[in-house]
Amino acid sequence: EMQLNSPYRPDGWTVRQTVHHIYDSHHNAYTRFKWALTEATPTIKIYD
């Protein structure tokens, strides 16, 4: 737990945040794939 809650670089996210970020980012990318396959050049929703 201590390692998961440690940042992987100064002022960076913790390892835990990074793992959850990867899911969030890749989930959004997969959704963008589906939009592009089913709509004509869709404008994606960006997220912070």
All heavy atoms as atom14 arrays in JSON, in Angstrom:
{
  "sequence": "EMQLNSPYRPDGWTVRQTVHHIYDSHHNAYTRFKWALTEATPTIKIYD",
  "atom14_mask": [
    [1, 1, 1, 1, 1, 1, 1, 1, 1, 0, 0, 0, 0, 0],
    [1, 1, 1, 1, 1, 1, 1, 1, 0, 0, 0, 0, 0, 0],
    [1, 1, 1, 1, 1, 1, 1, 1, 1, 0, 0, 0, 0, 0],
    [1, 1, 1, 1, 1, 1, 1, 1, 0, 0, 0, 0, 0, 0],
    [1, 1, 1, 1, 1, 1, 1, 1, 0, 0, 0, 0, 0, 0],
    [1, 1, 1, 1, 1, 1, 0, 0, 0, 0, 0, 0, 0, 0],
    [1, 1, 1, 1, 1, 1, 1, 0, 0, 0, 0, 0, 0, 0],
    [1, 1, 1, 1, 1, 1, 1, 1, 1, 1, 1, 1, 0, 0],
    [1, 1, 1, 1, 1, 1, 1, 1, 1, 1, 1, 0, 0, 0],
    [1, 1, 1, 1, 1, 1, 1, 0, 0, 0, 0, 0, 0, 0],
    [1, 1, 1, 1, 1, 1, 1, 1, 0, 0, 0, 0, 0, 0],
    [1, 1, 1, 1, 0, 0, 0, 0, 0, 0, 0, 0, 0, 0],
    [1, 1, 1, 1, 1, 1, 1, 1, 1, 1, 1, 1, 1, 1],
    [1, 1, 1, 1, 1, 1, 1, 0, 0, 0, 0, 0, 0, 0],
    [1, 1, 1, 1, 1, 1, 1, 0, 0, 0, 0, 0, 0, 0],
    [1, 1, 1, 1, 1, 1, 1, 1, 1, 1, 1, 0, 0, 0],
    [1, 1, 1, 1, 1, 1, 1, 1, 1, 0, 0, 0, 0, 0],
    [1, 1, 1, 1, 1, 1, 1, 0, 0, 0, 0, 0, 0, 0],
    [1, 1, 1, 1, 1, 1, 1, 0, 0, 0, 0, 0, 0, 0],
    [1, 1, 1, 1, 1, 1, 1, 1, 1, 1, 0, 0, 0, 0],
    [1, 1, 1, 1, 1, 1, 1, 1, 1, 1, 0, 0, 0, 0],
    [1, 1, 1, 1, 1, 1, 1, 1, 0, 0, 0, 0, 0, 0],
    [1, 1, 1, 1, 1, 1, 1, 1, 1, 1, 1, 1, 0, 0],
    [1, 1, 1, 1, 1, 1, 1, 1, 0, 0, 0, 0, 0, 0],
    [1, 1, 1, 1, 1, 1, 0, 0, 0, 0, 0, 0, 0, 0],
    [1, 1, 1, 1, 1, 1, 1, 1, 1, 1, 0, 0, 0, 0],
    [1, 1, 1, 1, 1, 1, 1, 1, 1, 1, 0, 0, 0, 0],
    [1, 1, 1, 1, 1, 1, 1, 1, 0, 0, 0, 0, 0, 0],
    [1, 1, 1, 1, 1, 0, 0, 0, 0, 0, 0, 0, 0, 0],
    [1, 1, 1, 1, 1, 1, 1, 1, 1, 1, 1, 1, 0, 0],
    [1, 1, 1, 1, 1, 1, 1, 0, 0, 0, 0, 0, 0, 0],
    [1, 1, 1, 1, 1, 1, 1, 1, 1, 1, 1, 0, 0, 0],
    [1, 1, 1, 1, 1, 1, 1, 1, 1, 1, 1, 0, 0, 0],
    [1, 1, 1, 1, 1, 1, 1, 1, 1, 0, 0, 0, 0, 0],
    [1, 1, 1, 1, 1, 1, 1, 1, 1, 1, 1, 1, 1, 1],
    [1, 1, 1, 1, 1, 0, 0, 0, 0, 0, 0, 0, 0, 0],
    [1, 1, 1, 1, 1, 1, 1, 1, 0, 0, 0, 0, 0, 0],
    [1, 1, 1, 1, 1, 1, 1, 0, 0, 0, 0, 0, 0, 0],
    [1, 1, 1, 1, 1, 1, 1, 1, 1, 0, 0, 0, 0, 0],
    [1, 1, 1, 1, 1, 0, 0, 0, 0, 0, 0, 0, 0, 0],
    [1, 1, 1, 1, 1, 1, 1, 0, 0, 0, 0, 0, 0, 0],
    [1, 1, 1, 1, 1, 1, 1, 0, 0, 0, 0, 0, 0, 0],
    [1, 1, 1, 1, 1, 1, 1, 0, 0, 0, 0, 0, 0, 0],
    [1, 1, 1, 1, 1, 1, 1, 1, 0, 0, 0, 0, 0, 0],
    [1, 1, 1, 1, 1, 1, 1, 1, 1, 0, 0, 0, 0, 0],
    [1, 1, 1, 1, 1, 1, 1, 1, 0, 0, 0, 0, 0, 0],
    [1, 1, 1, 1, 1, 1, 1, 1, 1, 1, 1, 1, 0, 0],
    [1, 1, 1, 1, 1, 1, 1, 1, 0, 0, 0, 0, 0, 0]
  ],
  "atom14_positions": [
    [[0.84, -1.21, 0.0], [0.0, 0.0, 0.0], [0.88, 1.25, 0.0], [0.56, 2.23, -0.67], [-0.95, 0.0, 1.21], [-2.11, -0.96, 1.08], [-3.04, -0.61, -0.09], [-3.53, 0.54, -0.14], [-3.26, -1.48, -0.94], [0.0, 0.0, 0.0], [0.0, 0.0, 0.0], [0.0, 0.0, 0.0], [0.0, 0.0, 0.0], [0.0, 0.0, 0.0]],
    [[1.97, 1.21, 0.75], [2.87, 2.36, 0.79], [3.46, 2.62, -0.59], [3.54, 3.77, -1.03], [3.99, 2.14, 1.81], [4.82, 3.39, 2.07], [5.93, 3.18, 3.47], [7.38, 2.61, 2.62], [0.0, 0.0, 0.0], [0.0, 0.0, 0.0], [0.0, 0.0, 0.0], [0.0, 0.0, 0.0], [0.0, 0.0, 0.0], [0.0, 0.0, 0.0]],
    [[3.86, 1.58, -1.28], [4.41, 1.74, -2.63], [3.34, 2.25, -3.6], [3.61, 3.12, -4.43], [5.0, 0.43, -3.13], [6.28, 0.04, -2.41], [6.72, -1.37, -2.75], [5.91, -2.31, -2.72], [8.0, -1.53, -3.06], [0.0, 0.0, 0.0], [0.0, 0.0, 0.0], [0.0, 0.0, 0.0], [0.0, 0.0, 0.0], [0.0, 0.0, 0.0]],
    [[2.12, 1.71, -3.51], [1.04, 2.16, -4.39], [0.7, 3.63, -4.16], [0.27, 4.32, -5.08], [-0.21, 1.3, -4.18], [-0.14, -0.12, -4.7], [-1.34, -0.92, -4.21], [-0.07, -0.14, -6.23], [0.0, 0.0, 0.0], [0.0, 0.0, 0.0], [0.0, 0.0, 0.0], [0.0, 0.0, 0.0], [0.0, 0.0, 0.0], [0.0, 0.0, 0.0]],
    [[0.9, 4.09, -2.94], [0.57, 5.48, -2.6], [1.75, 6.43, -2.72], [1.66, 7.58, -2.32], [-0.04, 5.54, -1.2], [-1.4, 4.88, -1.15], [-2.16, 4.95, -2.11], [-1.69, 4.21, -0.05], [0.0, 0.0, 0.0], [0.0, 0.0, 0.0], [0.0, 0.0, 0.0], [0.0, 0.0, 0.0], [0.0, 0.0, 0.0], [0.0, 0.0, 0.0]],
    [[2.84, 5.94, -3.31], [4.02, 6.78, -3.51], [4.04, 7.3, -4.95], [3.72, 6.56, -5.88], [5.3, 5.96, -3.29], [5.34, 5.5, -1.97], [0.0, 0.0, 0.0], [0.0, 0.0, 0.0], [0.0, 0.0, 0.0], [0.0, 0.0, 0.0], [0.0, 0.0, 0.0], [0.0, 0.0, 0.0], [0.0, 0.0, 0.0], [0.0, 0.0, 0.0]],
    [[4.42, 8.57, -5.11], [4.55, 9.08, -6.48], [5.74, 8.42, -7.18], [6.73, 8.08, -6.54], [4.79, 10.58, -6.3], [4.98, 10.82, -4.86], [4.69, 9.56, -4.11], [0.0, 0.0, 0.0], [0.0, 0.0, 0.0], [0.0, 0.0, 0.0], [0.0, 0.0, 0.0], [0.0, 0.0, 0.0], [0.0, 0.0, 0.0], [0.0, 0.0, 0.0]],
    [[5.6, 8.22, -8.47], [6.68, 7.58, -9.22], [7.71, 8.58, -9.68], [8.77, 8.19, -10.17], [6.12, 6.77, -10.4], [5.55, 7.59, -11.53], [6.33, 7.89, -12.65], [4.25, 8.06, -11.49], [5.82, 8.65, -13.69], [3.74, 8.82, -12.53], [4.53, 9.11, -13.62], [4.02, 9.87, -14.64], [0.0, 0.0, 0.0], [0.0, 0.0, 0.0]],
    [[7.42, 9.88, -9.53], [8.39, 10.94, -9.81], [8.01, 12.14, -8.96], [6.87, 12.24, -8.5], [8.42, 11.29, -11.3], [7.16, 11.91, -11.82], [7.32, 12.39, -13.27], [6.05, 12.72, -13.85], [5.38, 13.85, -13.63], [5.86, 14.77, -12.81], [4.22, 14.06, -14.21], [0.0, 0.0, 0.0], [0.0, 0.0, 0.0], [0.0, 0.0, 0.0]],
    [[8.94, 13.09, -8.73], [8.61, 14.27, -7.93], [7.4, 15.01, -8.52], [7.32, 15.21, -9.73], [9.88, 15.12, -8.02], [10.97, 14.16, -8.34], [10.33, 13.08, -9.17], [0.0, 0.0, 0.0], [0.0, 0.0, 0.0], [0.0, 0.0, 0.0], [0.0, 0.0, 0.0], [0.0, 0.0, 0.0], [0.0, 0.0, 0.0], [0.0, 0.0, 0.0]],
    [[6.46, 15.38, -7.66], [5.25, 16.1, -8.03], [4.37, 15.34, -9.03], [3.56, 15.92, -9.73], [5.58, 17.49, -8.6], [6.31, 18.36, -7.6], [5.92, 18.33, -6.41], [7.27, 19.04, -7.99], [0.0, 0.0, 0.0], [0.0, 0.0, 0.0], [0.0, 0.0, 0.0], [0.0, 0.0, 0.0], [0.0, 0.0, 0.0], [0.0, 0.0, 0.0]],
    [[4.55, 14.03, -9.09], [3.76, 13.21, -10.01], [2.66, 12.47, -9.27], [2.5, 12.56, -8.05], [0.0, 0.0, 0.0], [0.0, 0.0, 0.0], [0.0, 0.0, 0.0], [0.0, 0.0, 0.0], [0.0, 0.0, 0.0], [0.0, 0.0, 0.0], [0.0, 0.0, 0.0], [0.0, 0.0, 0.0], [0.0, 0.0, 0.0], [0.0, 0.0, 0.0]],
    [[1.89, 11.74, -10.05], [0.83, 10.91, -9.47], [1.44, 9.75, -8.72], [2.57, 9.34, -8.97], [-0.05, 10.35, -10.57], [-0.88, 11.35, -11.29], [-1.35, 12.54, -10.81], [-1.35, 11.26, -12.64], [-2.08, 13.18, -11.78], [-2.11, 12.43, -12.9], [-1.22, 10.31, -13.64], [-2.72, 12.65, -14.13], [-1.83, 10.53, -14.85], [-2.57, 11.69, -15.09]],
    [[0.64, 9.19, -7.81], [1.06, 7.96, -7.15], [0.94, 6.81, -8.14], [0.29, 6.93, -9.2], [0.18, 7.66, -5.92], [-1.16, 7.41, -6.37], [0.21, 8.81, -4.91], [0.0, 0.0, 0.0], [0.0, 0.0, 0.0], [0.0, 0.0, 0.0], [0.0, 0.0, 0.0], [0.0, 0.0, 0.0], [0.0, 0.0, 0.0], [0.0, 0.0, 0.0]],
    [[1.53, 5.69, -7.79], [1.39, 4.51, -8.63], [-0.09, 4.16, -8.76], [-0.58, 3.84, -9.85], [2.21, 3.32, -8.06], [1.93, 2.04, -8.83], [3.7, 3.66, -8.06], [0.0, 0.0, 0.0], [0.0, 0.0, 0.0], [0.0, 0.0, 0.0], [0.0, 0.0, 0.0], [0.0, 0.0, 0.0], [0.0, 0.0, 0.0], [0.0, 0.0, 0.0]],
    [[-0.84, 4.25, -7.67], [-2.28, 3.96, -7.67], [-3.0, 4.88, -8.67], [-3.78, 4.42, -9.5], [-2.86, 4.15, -6.27], [-4.36, 3.87, -6.17], [-4.91, 4.17, -4.77], [-4.1, 3.61, -3.71], [-4.16, 2.35, -3.29], [-5.0, 1.5, -3.86], [-3.38, 1.93, -2.32], [0.0, 0.0, 0.0], [0.0, 0.0, 0.0], [0.0, 0.0, 0.0]],
    [[-2.74, 6.18, -8.59], [-3.37, 7.13, -9.51], [-3.01, 6.81, -10.96], [-3.84, 6.94, -11.85], [-2.97, 8.56, -9.18], [-3.63, 9.12, -7.94], [-3.04, 10.47, -7.57], [-1.85, 10.55, -7.25], [-3.85, 11.51, -7.62], [0.0, 0.0, 0.0], [0.0, 0.0, 0.0], [0.0, 0.0, 0.0], [0.0, 0.0, 0.0], [0.0, 0.0, 0.0]],
    [[-1.77, 6.4, -11.18], [-1.31, 6.1, -12.53], [-2.05, 4.89, -13.1], [-2.48, 4.9, -14.25], [0.21, 5.87, -12.55], [0.85, 7.05, -12.05], [0.71, 5.59, -13.95], [0.0, 0.0, 0.0], [0.0, 0.0, 0.0], [0.0, 0.0, 0.0], [0.0, 0.0, 0.0], [0.0, 0.0, 0.0], [0.0, 0.0, 0.0], [0.0, 0.0, 0.0]],
    [[-2.23, 3.85, -12.29], [-2.96, 2.66, -12.75], [-4.4, 3.05, -13.11], [-4.91, 2.67, -14.17], [-2.93, 1.53, -11.7], [-3.88, 0.39, -12.08], [-1.51, 1.01, -11.52], [0.0, 0.0, 0.0], [0.0, 0.0, 0.0], [0.0, 0.0, 0.0], [0.0, 0.0, 0.0], [0.0, 0.0, 0.0], [0.0, 0.0, 0.0], [0.0, 0.0, 0.0]],
    [[-5.04, 3.83, -12.24], [-6.42, 4.25, -12.52], [-6.46, 5.18, -13.74], [-7.4, 5.12, -14.54], [-7.05, 4.9, -11.3], [-7.27, 3.93, -10.16], [-7.93, 2.73, -10.31], [-6.89, 3.99, -8.86], [-7.97, 2.1, -9.14], [-7.34, 2.84, -8.25], [0.0, 0.0, 0.0], [0.0, 0.0, 0.0], [0.0, 0.0, 0.0], [0.0, 0.0, 0.0]],
    [[-5.44, 6.03, -13.9], [-5.35, 6.9, -15.08], [-5.27, 6.07, -16.37], [-5.91, 6.41, -17.37], [-4.13, 7.82, -14.99], [-3.66, 8.32, -16.32], [-4.35, 9.28, -17.04], [-2.6, 7.96, -17.08], [-3.7, 9.49, -18.19], [-2.64, 8.7, -18.23], [0.0, 0.0, 0.0], [0.0, 0.0, 0.0], [0.0, 0.0, 0.0], [0.0, 0.0, 0.0]],
    [[-4.49, 5.02, -16.34], [-4.35, 4.18, -17.54], [-5.72, 3.65, -17.94], [-6.09, 3.71, -19.12], [-3.34, 3.04, -17.3], [-1.92, 3.61, -17.18], [-3.42, 2.0, -18.42], [-0.9, 2.63, -16.63], [0.0, 0.0, 0.0], [0.0, 0.0, 0.0], [0.0, 0.0, 0.0], [0.0, 0.0, 0.0], [0.0, 0.0, 0.0], [0.0, 0.0, 0.0]],
    [[-6.49, 3.16, -16.97], [-7.83, 2.67, -17.32], [-8.68, 3.81, -17.9], [-9.31, 3.65, -18.96], [-8.55, 2.03, -16.13], [-9.98, 1.75, -16.52], [-10.29, 0.72, -17.41], [-11.02, 2.57, -16.07], [-11.58, 0.5, -17.84], [-12.32, 2.35, -16.49], [-12.59, 1.32, -17.37], [-13.88, 1.13, -17.81], [0.0, 0.0, 0.0], [0.0, 0.0, 0.0]],
    [[-8.71, 4.94, -17.22], [-9.53, 6.07, -17.69], [-9.13, 6.48, -19.11], [-9.98, 6.67, -19.98], [-9.39, 7.28, -16.76], [-10.03, 7.07, -15.39], [-10.89, 6.18, -15.25], [-9.65, 7.81, -14.46], [0.0, 0.0, 0.0], [0.0, 0.0, 0.0], [0.0, 0.0, 0.0], [0.0, 0.0, 0.0], [0.0, 0.0, 0.0], [0.0, 0.0, 0.0]],
    [[-7.84, 6.6, -19.34], [-7.34, 7.04, -20.63], [-7.66, 6.02, -21.73], [-8.15, 6.38, -22.81], [-5.82, 7.24, -20.53], [-5.27, 7.51, -21.8], [0.0, 0.0, 0.0], [0.0, 0.0, 0.0], [0.0, 0.0, 0.0], [0.0, 0.0, 0.0], [0.0, 0.0, 0.0], [0.0, 0.0, 0.0], [0.0, 0.0, 0.0], [0.0, 0.0, 0.0]],
    [[-7.41, 4.76, -21.46], [-7.62, 3.74, -22.48], [-9.11, 3.48, -22.73], [-9.5, 3.2, -23.86], [-6.87, 2.46, -22.1], [-5.38, 2.64, -22.18], [-4.51, 1.6, -22.37], [-4.6, 3.76, -22.11], [-3.26, 2.06, -22.41], [-3.31, 3.37, -22.25], [0.0, 0.0, 0.0], [0.0, 0.0, 0.0], [0.0, 0.0, 0.0], [0.0, 0.0, 0.0]],
    [[-9.92, 3.64, -21.68], [-11.37, 3.53, -21.86], [-11.86, 4.64, -22.79], [-12.67, 4.4, -23.69], [-12.07, 3.6, -20.5], [-13.54, 3.53, -20.59], [-14.22, 2.35, -20.64], [-14.47, 4.51, -20.65], [-15.52, 2.6, -20.72], [-15.7, 3.89, -20.74], [0.0, 0.0, 0.0], [0.0, 0.0, 0.0], [0.0, 0.0, 0.0], [0.0, 0.0, 0.0]],
    [[-11.39, 5.85, -22.58], [-11.75, 6.96, -23.45], [-11.28, 6.7, -24.88], [-12.01, 6.98, -25.84], [-11.18, 8.28, -22.93], [-12.09, 8.93, -21.92], [-13.12, 9.49, -22.26], [-11.72, 8.84, -20.65], [0.0, 0.0, 0.0], [0.0, 0.0, 0.0], [0.0, 0.0, 0.0], [0.0, 0.0, 0.0], [0.0, 0.0, 0.0], [0.0, 0.0, 0.0]],
    [[-10.08, 6.17, -25.04], [-9.56, 5.89, -26.38], [-10.41, 4.84, -27.1], [-10.7, 4.97, -28.29], [-8.11, 5.42, -26.3], [0.0, 0.0, 0.0], [0.0, 0.0, 0.0], [0.0, 0.0, 0.0], [0.0, 0.0, 0.0], [0.0, 0.0, 0.0], [0.0, 0.0, 0.0], [0.0, 0.0, 0.0], [0.0, 0.0, 0.0], [0.0, 0.0, 0.0]],
    [[-10.8, 3.79, -26.38], [-11.64, 2.75, -26.97], [-12.96, 3.35, -27.43], [-13.44, 3.05, -28.53], [-11.86, 1.63, -25.95], [-12.76, 0.54, -26.45], [-12.3, -0.43, -27.34], [-14.1, 0.46, -26.05], [-13.12, -1.44, -27.8], [-14.93, -0.54, -26.5], [-14.44, -1.49, -27.38], [-15.27, -2.48, -27.84], [0.0, 0.0, 0.0], [0.0, 0.0, 0.0]],
    [[-13.53, 4.22, -26.62], [-14.78, 4.89, -26.99], [-14.57, 5.75, -28.23], [-15.43, 5.77, -29.13], [-15.3, 5.74, -25.81], [-15.52, 4.87, -24.69], [-16.58, 6.47, -26.17], [0.0, 0.0, 0.0], [0.0, 0.0, 0.0], [0.0, 0.0, 0.0], [0.0, 0.0, 0.0], [0.0, 0.0, 0.0], [0.0, 0.0, 0.0], [0.0, 0.0, 0.0]],
    [[-13.45, 6.41, -28.34], [-13.14, 7.21, -29.53], [-13.06, 6.32, -30.77], [-13.5, 6.71, -31.85], [-11.84, 7.98, -29.32], [-11.96, 9.05, -28.26], [-10.63, 9.62, -27.82], [-10.85, 10.6, -26.77], [-9.89, 11.24, -26.14], [-8.62, 11.03, -26.48], [-10.16, 12.11, -25.2], [0.0, 0.0, 0.0], [0.0, 0.0, 0.0], [0.0, 0.0, 0.0]],
    [[-12.5, 5.12, -30.62], [-12.47, 4.16, -31.72], [-13.88, 3.86, -32.2], [-14.17, 3.88, -33.4], [-11.8, 2.84, -31.27], [-10.37, 2.71, -31.66], [-9.4, 3.52, -31.1], [-9.98, 1.74, -32.57], [-8.07, 3.39, -31.44], [-8.64, 1.59, -32.92], [-7.68, 2.42, -32.36], [0.0, 0.0, 0.0], [0.0, 0.0, 0.0], [0.0, 0.0, 0.0]],
    [[-14.75, 3.56, -31.24], [-16.12, 3.2, -31.6], [-16.84, 4.36, -32.28], [-17.58, 4.16, -33.24], [-16.87, 2.73, -30.35], [-16.27, 1.49, -29.7], [-16.48, 0.25, -30.53], [-17.72, -0.42, -30.04], [-17.77, -1.84, -30.35], [0.0, 0.0, 0.0], [0.0, 0.0, 0.0], [0.0, 0.0, 0.0], [0.0, 0.0, 0.0], [0.0, 0.0, 0.0]],
    [[-16.63, 5.57, -31.76], [-17.25, 6.74, -32.4], [-16.77, 6.88, -33.84], [-17.55, 7.11, -34.75], [-16.94, 8.01, -31.63], [-17.73, 8.22, -30.38], [-18.98, 7.75, -30.1], [-17.33, 8.98, -29.25], [-19.37, 8.17, -28.85], [-18.38, 8.92, -28.3], [-16.17, 9.69, -28.92], [-18.31, 9.56, -27.08], [-16.12, 10.32, -27.69], [-17.17, 10.26, -26.78]],
    [[-15.46, 6.78, -34.03], [-14.89, 6.95, -35.37], [-15.4, 5.87, -36.33], [-15.56, 6.13, -37.53], [-13.37, 6.95, -35.32], [0.0, 0.0, 0.0], [0.0, 0.0, 0.0], [0.0, 0.0, 0.0], [0.0, 0.0, 0.0], [0.0, 0.0, 0.0], [0.0, 0.0, 0.0], [0.0, 0.0, 0.0], [0.0, 0.0, 0.0], [0.0, 0.0, 0.0]],
    [[-15.65, 4.69, -35.81], [-16.14, 3.6, -36.66], [-17.63, 3.74, -37.0], [-18.09, 3.17, -37.98], [-15.9, 2.25, -35.99], [-14.45, 1.79, -35.94], [-14.29, 0.6, -34.99], [-13.95, 1.45, -37.34], [0.0, 0.0, 0.0], [0.0, 0.0, 0.0], [0.0, 0.0, 0.0], [0.0, 0.0, 0.0], [0.0, 0.0, 0.0], [0.0, 0.0, 0.0]],
    [[-18.34, 4.5, -36.19], [-19.8, 4.55, -36.37], [-20.34, 5.93, -36.72], [-21.54, 6.06, -36.97], [-20.51, 4.05, -35.09], [-20.14, 4.89, -33.98], [-20.14, 2.6, -34.8], [0.0, 0.0, 0.0], [0.0, 0.0, 0.0], [0.0, 0.0, 0.0], [0.0, 0.0, 0.0], [0.0, 0.0, 0.0], [0.0, 0.0, 0.0], [0.0, 0.0, 0.0]],
    [[-19.48, 6.94, -36.73], [-19.9, 8.3, -37.07], [-18.89, 8.9, -38.05], [-17.75, 8.46, -38.11], [-19.97, 9.18, -35.81], [-20.95, 8.66, -34.76], [-20.9, 9.47, -33.48], [-20.44, 10.64, -33.49], [-21.32, 8.93, -32.44], [0.0, 0.0, 0.0], [0.0, 0.0, 0.0], [0.0, 0.0, 0.0], [0.0, 0.0, 0.0], [0.0, 0.0, 0.0]],
    [[-19.3, 9.9, -38.77], [-18.41, 10.57, -39.73], [-17.57, 11.62, -39.01], [-18.08, 12.65, -38.6], [-19.22, 11.21, -40.85], [0.0, 0.0, 0.0], [0.0, 0.0, 0.0], [0.0, 0.0, 0.0], [0.0, 0.0, 0.0], [0.0, 0.0, 0.0], [0.0, 0.0, 0.0], [0.0, 0.0, 0.0], [0.0, 0.0, 0.0], [0.0, 0.0, 0.0]],
    [[-16.31, 11.32, -38.83], [-15.33, 12.21, -38.18], [-15.93, 12.92, -36.96], [-16.08, 14.14, -36.94], [-14.76, 13.23, -39.18], [-14.46, 12.57, -40.41], [-13.47, 13.86, -38.63], [0.0, 0.0, 0.0], [0.0, 0.0, 0.0], [0.0, 0.0, 0.0], [0.0, 0.0, 0.0], [0.0, 0.0, 0.0], [0.0, 0.0, 0.0], [0.0, 0.0, 0.0]],
    [[-16.28, 12.15, -35.94], [-16.87, 12.76, -34.75], [-15.87, 13.65, -34.01], [-14.67, 13.41, -34.03], [-17.25, 11.55, -33.89], [-16.27, 10.5, -34.29], [-16.04, 10.72, -35.77], [0.0, 0.0, 0.0], [0.0, 0.0, 0.0], [0.0, 0.0, 0.0], [0.0, 0.0, 0.0], [0.0, 0.0, 0.0], [0.0, 0.0, 0.0], [0.0, 0.0, 0.0]],
    [[-16.39, 14.67, -33.38], [-15.58, 15.48, -32.47], [-15.68, 14.82, -31.11], [-16.78, 14.61, -30.59], [-16.1, 16.93, -32.4], [-15.97, 17.51, -33.7], [-15.32, 17.75, -31.38], [0.0, 0.0, 0.0], [0.0, 0.0, 0.0], [0.0, 0.0, 0.0], [0.0, 0.0, 0.0], [0.0, 0.0, 0.0], [0.0, 0.0, 0.0], [0.0, 0.0, 0.0]],
    [[-14.55, 14.44, -30.56], [-14.54, 13.71, -29.3], [-14.77, 14.65, -28.12], [-14.57, 15.86, -28.21], [-13.22, 12.94, -29.1], [-12.04, 13.92, -29.03], [-13.04, 11.9, -30.18], [-10.8, 13.34, -28.41], [0.0, 0.0, 0.0], [0.0, 0.0, 0.0], [0.0, 0.0, 0.0], [0.0, 0.0, 0.0], [0.0, 0.0, 0.0], [0.0, 0.0, 0.0]],
    [[-15.19, 14.06, -27.04], [-15.29, 14.77, -25.77], [-13.93, 14.63, -25.1], [-13.43, 13.53, -24.92], [-16.39, 14.12, -24.92], [-16.42, 14.56, -23.48], [-17.21, 15.82, -23.3], [-17.43, 16.15, -21.84], [-16.45, 17.03, -21.26], [0.0, 0.0, 0.0], [0.0, 0.0, 0.0], [0.0, 0.0, 0.0], [0.0, 0.0, 0.0], [0.0, 0.0, 0.0]],
    [[-13.32, 15.75, -24.79], [-12.06, 15.69, -24.07], [-12.34, 15.67, -22.57], [-13.45, 16.0, -22.14], [-11.11, 16.86, -24.46], [-11.78, 18.21, -24.23], [-10.68, 16.72, -25.9], [-10.87, 19.39, -24.43], [0.0, 0.0, 0.0], [0.0, 0.0, 0.0], [0.0, 0.0, 0.0], [0.0, 0.0, 0.0], [0.0, 0.0, 0.0], [0.0, 0.0, 0.0]],
    [[-11.36, 15.29, -21.8], [-11.53, 15.24, -20.35], [-10.26, 15.74, -19.68], [-9.18, 15.68, -20.26], [-11.92, 13.83, -19.87], [-10.8, 12.82, -19.96], [-10.1, 12.44, -18.82], [-10.42, 12.26, -21.18], [-9.07, 11.52, -18.89], [-9.4, 11.34, -21.26], [-8.73, 10.97, -20.12], [-7.69, 10.06, -20.18], [0.0, 0.0, 0.0], [0.0, 0.0, 0.0]],
    [[-10.4, 16.21, -18.48], [-9.28, 16.74, -17.72], [-8.64, 15.6, -16.92], [-9.09, 15.27, -15.83], [-9.78, 17.85, -16.79], [-8.69, 18.52, -15.99], [-7.57, 17.97, -15.87], [-8.96, 19.61, -15.45], [0.0, 0.0, 0.0], [0.0, 0.0, 0.0], [0.0, 0.0, 0.0], [0.0, 0.0, 0.0], [0.0, 0.0, 0.0], [0.0, 0.0, 0.0]]
  ]
}
